[in-house]
C-alpha atoms as a PDB file:
ATOM      1  CA  MET A   1     197.280 130.463 128.407  1.00  0.00           C
ATOM      2  CA  VAL A   2     193.879 129.726 126.870  1.00  0.00           C
ATOM      3  CA  ASN A   3     191.053 132.117 127.697  1.00  0.00           C
ATOM      4  CA  LYS A   4     187.891 130.183 128.760  1.00  0.00           C
ATOM      5  CA  LYS A   5     185.531 132.848 127.428  1.00  0.00           C
ATOM      6  CA  GLY A   6     187.300 132.805 124.105  1.00  0.00           C
ATOM      7  CA  VAL A   7     187.043 129.017 123.840  1.00  0.00           C
ATOM      8  CA  TRP A   8     183.307 129.120 124.634  1.00  0.00           C
ATOM      9  CA  PHE A   9     182.771 131.880 122.086  1.00  0.00           C
ATOM     10  CA  LEU A  10     184.601 129.963 119.356  1.00  0.00           C
ATOM     11  CA  THR A  11     182.735 126.726 120.209  1.00  0.00           C
ATOM     12  CA  LEU A  12     179.304 128.330 120.073  1.00  0.00           C
ATOM     13  CA  PHE A  13     180.163 130.363 116.979  1.00  0.00           C
ATOM     14  CA  SER A  14     181.345 127.194 115.230  1.00  0.00           C
ATOM     15  CA  LEU A  15     178.148 125.374 116.163  1.00  0.00           C
ATOM     16  CA  ILE A  16     175.992 128.218 114.848  1.00  0.00           C
ATOM     17  CA  LEU A  17     178.006 128.346 111.652  1.00  0.00           C
ATOM     18  CA  VAL A  18     177.667 124.587 111.041  1.00  0.00           C
ATOM     19  CA  LEU A  19     173.911 124.668 111.688  1.00  0.00           C
ATOM     20  CA  SER A  20     173.492 127.655 109.376  1.00  0.00           C
ATOM     21  CA  VAL A  21     175.363 125.927 106.556  1.00  0.00           C
ATOM     22  CA  TYR A  22     173.298 122.765 107.103  1.00  0.00           C
ATOM     23  CA  TYR A  23     170.040 124.733 106.953  1.00  0.00           C
ATOM     24  CA  ILE A  24     171.070 126.555 103.780  1.00  0.00           C
ATOM     25  CA  THR A  25     172.121 123.364 102.011  1.00  0.00           C
ATOM     26  CA  MET A  26     169.026 121.419 103.098  1.00  0.00           C
ATOM     27  CA  PRO A  27     166.776 120.504 100.149  1.00  0.00           C
ATOM     28  CA  SER A  28     163.733 122.728  99.872  1.00  0.00           C
ATOM     29  CA  GLU A  29     161.426 119.686  99.642  1.00  0.00           C
ATOM     30  CA  LEU A  30     162.153 118.838 103.259  1.00  0.00           C
ATOM     31  CA  LEU A  31     161.212 122.330 104.337  1.00  0.00           C
ATOM     32  CA  MET A  32     157.913 122.153 102.427  1.00  0.00           C
ATOM     33  CA  VAL A  33     157.025 118.780 103.947  1.00  0.00           C
ATOM     34  CA  SER A  34     157.544 120.038 107.482  1.00  0.00           C
ATOM     35  CA  LYS A  35     155.303 123.059 106.817  1.00  0.00           C
ATOM     36  CA  GLU A  36     152.580 120.839 105.343  1.00  0.00           C
ATOM     37  CA  LYS A  37     152.662 118.530 108.358  1.00  0.00           C
ATOM     38  CA  LYS A  38     151.962 121.441 110.672  1.00  0.00           C
ATOM     39  CA  GLU A  39     148.913 122.413 108.644  1.00  0.00           C
ATOM     40  CA  ASP A  40     147.542 118.852 108.485  1.00  0.00           C
ATOM     41  CA  VAL A  41     146.963 118.611 112.218  1.00  0.00           C
ATOM     42  CA  ALA A  42     143.583 117.060 112.939  1.00  0.00           C
ATOM     43  CA  PRO A  43     140.945 119.566 114.009  1.00  0.00           C
ATOM     44  CA  THR A  44     139.969 119.486 117.640  1.00  0.00           C
ATOM     45  CA  VAL A  45     136.515 118.252 118.484  1.00  0.00           C
ATOM     46  CA  ASN A  46     134.566 120.463 120.818  1.00  0.00           C
ATOM     47  CA  THR A  47     132.372 118.383 123.039  1.00  0.00           C
ATOM     48  CA  GLU A  48     129.826 120.288 125.030  1.00  0.00           C
ATOM     49  CA  GLU A  49     128.805 119.168 128.455  1.00  0.00           C
ATOM     50  CA  SER A  50     125.257 118.047 128.914  1.00  0.00           C
ATOM     51  CA  THR A  51     122.828 119.897 131.105  1.00  0.00           C
ATOM     52  CA  LEU A  52     122.768 116.888 133.429  1.00  0.00           C
ATOM     53  CA  LEU A  53     126.486 117.174 134.194  1.00  0.00           C
ATOM     54  CA  VAL A  54     126.269 120.942 134.543  1.00  0.00           C
ATOM     55  CA  ALA A  55     123.345 120.594 136.961  1.00  0.00           C
ATOM     56  CA  LEU A  56     125.261 118.034 139.046  1.00  0.00           C
ATOM     57  CA  ARG A  57     128.299 120.334 139.154  1.00  0.00           C
ATOM     58  CA  VAL A  58     126.254 123.355 140.191  1.00  0.00           C
ATOM     59  CA  GLU A  59     124.444 121.393 142.907  1.00  0.00           C
ATOM     60  CA  ASP A  60     127.724 120.005 144.242  1.00  0.00           C
ATOM     61  CA  GLU A  61     129.391 123.416 144.096  1.00  0.00           C
ATOM     62  CA  GLU A  62     126.571 124.944 146.143  1.00  0.00           C
ATOM     63  CA  LYS A  63     126.875 122.227 148.791  1.00  0.00           C
ATOM     64  CA  VAL A  64     130.641 122.647 149.009  1.00  0.00           C
ATOM     65  CA  GLU A  65     130.362 126.442 149.210  1.00  0.00           C
ATOM     66  CA  LYS A  66     127.811 126.212 152.039  1.00  0.00           C
ATOM     67  CA  GLU A  67     130.061 123.813 153.919  1.00  0.00           C
ATOM     68  CA  MET A  68     133.094 126.039 153.348  1.00  0.00           C
ATOM     69  CA  GLU A  69     131.182 129.058 154.657  1.00  0.00           C
ATOM     70  CA  SER A  70     130.175 127.213 157.816  1.00  0.00           C
ATOM     71  CA  LEU A  71     133.779 126.071 158.321  1.00  0.00           C
ATOM     72  CA  LYS A  72     135.039 129.638 157.807  1.00  0.00           C
ATOM     73  CA  LYS A  73     132.590 130.844 160.461  1.00  0.00           C
ATOM     74  CA  ILE A  74     133.939 128.253 162.890  1.00  0.00           C
ATOM     75  CA  ILE A  75     137.514 129.335 162.190  1.00  0.00           C
ATOM     76  CA  SER A  76     136.765 133.047 162.517  1.00  0.00           C
ATOM     77  CA  ASP A  77     134.554 132.650 165.615  1.00  0.00           C
ATOM     78  CA  SER A  78     136.393 133.771 168.728  1.00  0.00           C
ATOM     79  CA  ASP A  79     134.316 131.441 170.932  1.00  0.00           C
ATOM     80  CA  SER A  80     135.453 128.300 169.051  1.00  0.00           C
ATOM     81  CA  THR A  81     138.058 126.119 170.719  1.00  0.00           C
ATOM     82  CA  ILE A  82     141.413 125.422 169.130  1.00  0.00           C
ATOM     83  CA  GLN A  83     140.391 121.826 168.475  1.00  0.00           C
ATOM     84  CA  ASP A  84     137.238 122.971 166.654  1.00  0.00           C
ATOM     85  CA  LYS A  85     139.241 125.439 164.576  1.00  0.00           C
ATOM     86  CA  ASN A  86     141.831 122.796 163.715  1.00  0.00           C
ATOM     87  CA  ALA A  87     139.131 120.310 162.759  1.00  0.00           C
ATOM     88  CA  ALA A  88     137.410 122.933 160.582  1.00  0.00           C
ATOM     89  CA  PHE A  89     140.715 123.809 158.929  1.00  0.00           C
ATOM     90  CA  GLU A  90     141.489 120.143 158.230  1.00  0.00           C
ATOM     91  CA  LYS A  91     137.993 119.674 156.771  1.00  0.00           C
ATOM     92  CA  MET A  92     138.570 122.715 154.506  1.00  0.00           C
ATOM     93  CA  LYS A  93     141.857 121.230 153.339  1.00  0.00           C
ATOM     94  CA  GLU A  94     140.133 117.916 152.637  1.00  0.00           C
ATOM     95  CA  LEU A  95     137.378 119.642 150.648  1.00  0.00           C
ATOM     96  CA  ASN A  96     139.938 121.530 148.564  1.00  0.00           C
ATOM     97  CA  ASN A  97     141.997 118.382 147.978  1.00  0.00           C
ATOM     98  CA  ASN A  98     138.883 116.460 146.958  1.00  0.00           C
ATOM     99  CA  ARG A  99     137.836 119.227 144.593  1.00  0.00           C
ATOM    100  CA  SER A 100     141.225 119.275 142.876  1.00  0.00           C
ATOM    101  CA  MET A 101     141.328 115.468 142.689  1.00  0.00           C
ATOM    102  CA  GLU A 102     137.826 115.408 141.191  1.00  0.00           C
ATOM    103  CA  GLU A 103     138.918 117.836 138.482  1.00  0.00           C
ATOM    104  CA  LYS A 104     142.048 115.794 137.840  1.00  0.00           C
ATOM    105  CA  LEU A 105     140.052 112.566 137.509  1.00  0.00           C
ATOM    106  CA  GLU A 106     137.484 114.200 135.213  1.00  0.00           C
ATOM    107  CA  GLU A 107     140.276 115.442 132.970  1.00  0.00           C
ATOM    108  CA  LYS A 108     141.964 112.031 133.010  1.00  0.00           C
ATOM    109  CA  ILE A 109     138.725 110.286 132.013  1.00  0.00           C
ATOM    110  CA  LYS A 110     138.144 112.892 129.309  1.00  0.00           C
ATOM    111  CA  THR A 111     141.589 112.384 127.788  1.00  0.00           C
ATOM    112  CA  THR A 112     141.652 108.604 128.222  1.00  0.00           C
ATOM    113  CA  HIS A 113     138.093 107.681 127.269  1.00  0.00           C
ATOM    114  CA  ASN A 114     136.884 110.893 125.546  1.00  0.00           C
ATOM    115  CA  LEU A 115     133.926 111.222 127.938  1.00  0.00           C
ATOM    116  CA  ASN A 116     132.527 114.156 129.859  1.00  0.00           C
ATOM    117  CA  THR A 117     131.858 113.007 133.387  1.00  0.00           C
ATOM    118  CA  PHE A 118     131.021 114.238 136.856  1.00  0.00           C
ATOM    119  CA  VAL A 119     133.197 112.864 139.656  1.00  0.00           C
ATOM    120  CA  LYS A 120     132.380 113.171 143.356  1.00  0.00           C
ATOM    121  CA  ILE A 121     134.724 112.025 146.129  1.00  0.00           C
ATOM    122  CA  LYS A 122     133.531 111.367 149.689  1.00  0.00           C
ATOM    123  CA  GLU A 123     136.178 109.796 151.899  1.00  0.00           C
ATOM    124  CA  LYS A 124     136.947 106.439 150.221  1.00  0.00           C
ATOM    125  CA  ASN A 125     133.918 106.525 147.921  1.00  0.00           C
ATOM    126  CA  ILE A 126     134.210 107.863 144.389  1.00  0.00           C
ATOM    127  CA  SER A 127     131.116 108.200 142.247  1.00  0.00           C
ATOM    128  CA  VAL A 128     131.356 108.826 138.524  1.00  0.00           C
ATOM    129  CA  THR A 129     128.321 109.949 136.525  1.00  0.00           C
ATOM    130  CA  ILE A 130     128.373 109.585 132.754  1.00  0.00           C
ATOM    131  CA  ASN A 131     125.732 111.138 130.525  1.00  0.00           C
ATOM    132  CA  ASN A 132     125.057 108.184 128.270  1.00  0.00           C
ATOM    133  CA  ALA A 133     121.898 106.160 127.722  1.00  0.00           C
ATOM    134  CA  LYS A 134     123.913 103.099 126.728  1.00  0.00           C
ATOM    135  CA  HIS A 135     125.237 101.199 129.737  1.00  0.00           C
ATOM    136  CA  SER A 136     128.564  99.523 129.117  1.00  0.00           C
ATOM    137  CA  VAL A 137     130.079  97.194 131.691  1.00  0.00           C
ATOM    138  CA  GLU A 138     133.416  97.189 129.848  1.00  0.00           C
ATOM    139  CA  LEU A 139     133.573 101.001 129.823  1.00  0.00           C
ATOM    140  CA  ALA A 140     132.646 101.180 133.510  1.00  0.00           C
ATOM    141  CA  ASN A 141     135.382  98.665 134.318  1.00  0.00           C
ATOM    142  CA  LYS A 142     137.954 100.647 132.309  1.00  0.00           C
ATOM    143  CA  ILE A 143     136.963 103.868 134.081  1.00  0.00           C
ATOM    144  CA  MET A 144     137.252 102.185 137.489  1.00  0.00           C
ATOM    145  CA  ARG A 145     140.740 100.953 136.623  1.00  0.00           C
ATOM    146  CA  THR A 146     141.731 104.378 135.311  1.00  0.00           C
ATOM    147  CA  ILE A 147     140.659 106.004 138.575  1.00  0.00           C
ATOM    148  CA  GLN A 148     142.216 103.348 140.814  1.00  0.00           C
ATOM    149  CA  GLU A 149     145.623 103.977 139.175  1.00  0.00           C
ATOM    150  CA  ASP A 150     145.862 107.244 141.119  1.00  0.00           C
ATOM    151  CA  TYR A 151     145.352 105.606 144.508  1.00  0.00           C
ATOM    152  CA  THR A 152     147.531 103.183 146.446  1.00  0.00           C
ATOM    153  CA  GLU A 153     144.725 101.843 148.629  1.00  0.00           C
ATOM    154  CA  PRO A 154     141.522 100.348 147.214  1.00  0.00           C
ATOM    155  CA  MET A 155     138.711 102.833 146.672  1.00  0.00           C
ATOM    156  CA  LYS A 156     134.993 102.121 146.328  1.00  0.00           C
ATOM    157  CA  ILE A 157     134.272 103.397 142.826  1.00  0.00           C
ATOM    158  CA  THR A 158     130.747 103.622 141.449  1.00  0.00           C
ATOM    159  CA  VAL A 159     130.061 104.378 137.788  1.00  0.00           C
ATOM    160  CA  THR A 160     126.539 105.506 136.914  1.00  0.00           C
ATOM    161  CA  PHE A 161     125.139 105.976 133.420  1.00  0.00           C
ATOM    162  CA  LYS A 162     122.364 108.570 133.188  1.00  0.00           C
ATOM    163  CA  SER A 163     120.634 110.160 130.248  1.00  0.00           C
ATOM    164  CA  GLU A 164     118.879 113.477 130.051  1.00  0.00           C
END
């Protein structure tokens, strides 16, 4: 009777042996080309965020933190009703979901259009701020379409161009 472990061992050993022989017999030019390709990778471009976008983020973060603190007080208050606590908890969940979606959309715009942006979501309204003196209707339209891809229902998307 054939031993299953023995068959597996022989199969894997044979595969390793064939791959080893292939690697040894491979022309050295192919190995050099693959090493050169790894070194020729394009350098990454570091784009720094403008002070305008940083200021908008800090201002928004302060507002969200204040709102979260007030919601936490409602939840931890023993005099609050269950309905108030549930509403505060749902609002906290919504704030966290919006924050993560804003980050996701900012990253998507950065990778798709190579732009640093500030995204703010309030219910069905999404506002996008771009630090650019040049206003481009085509770019704004592309950004709106990029954002709408993530939603099944229509959103009200506003793209604003501001310069420092």
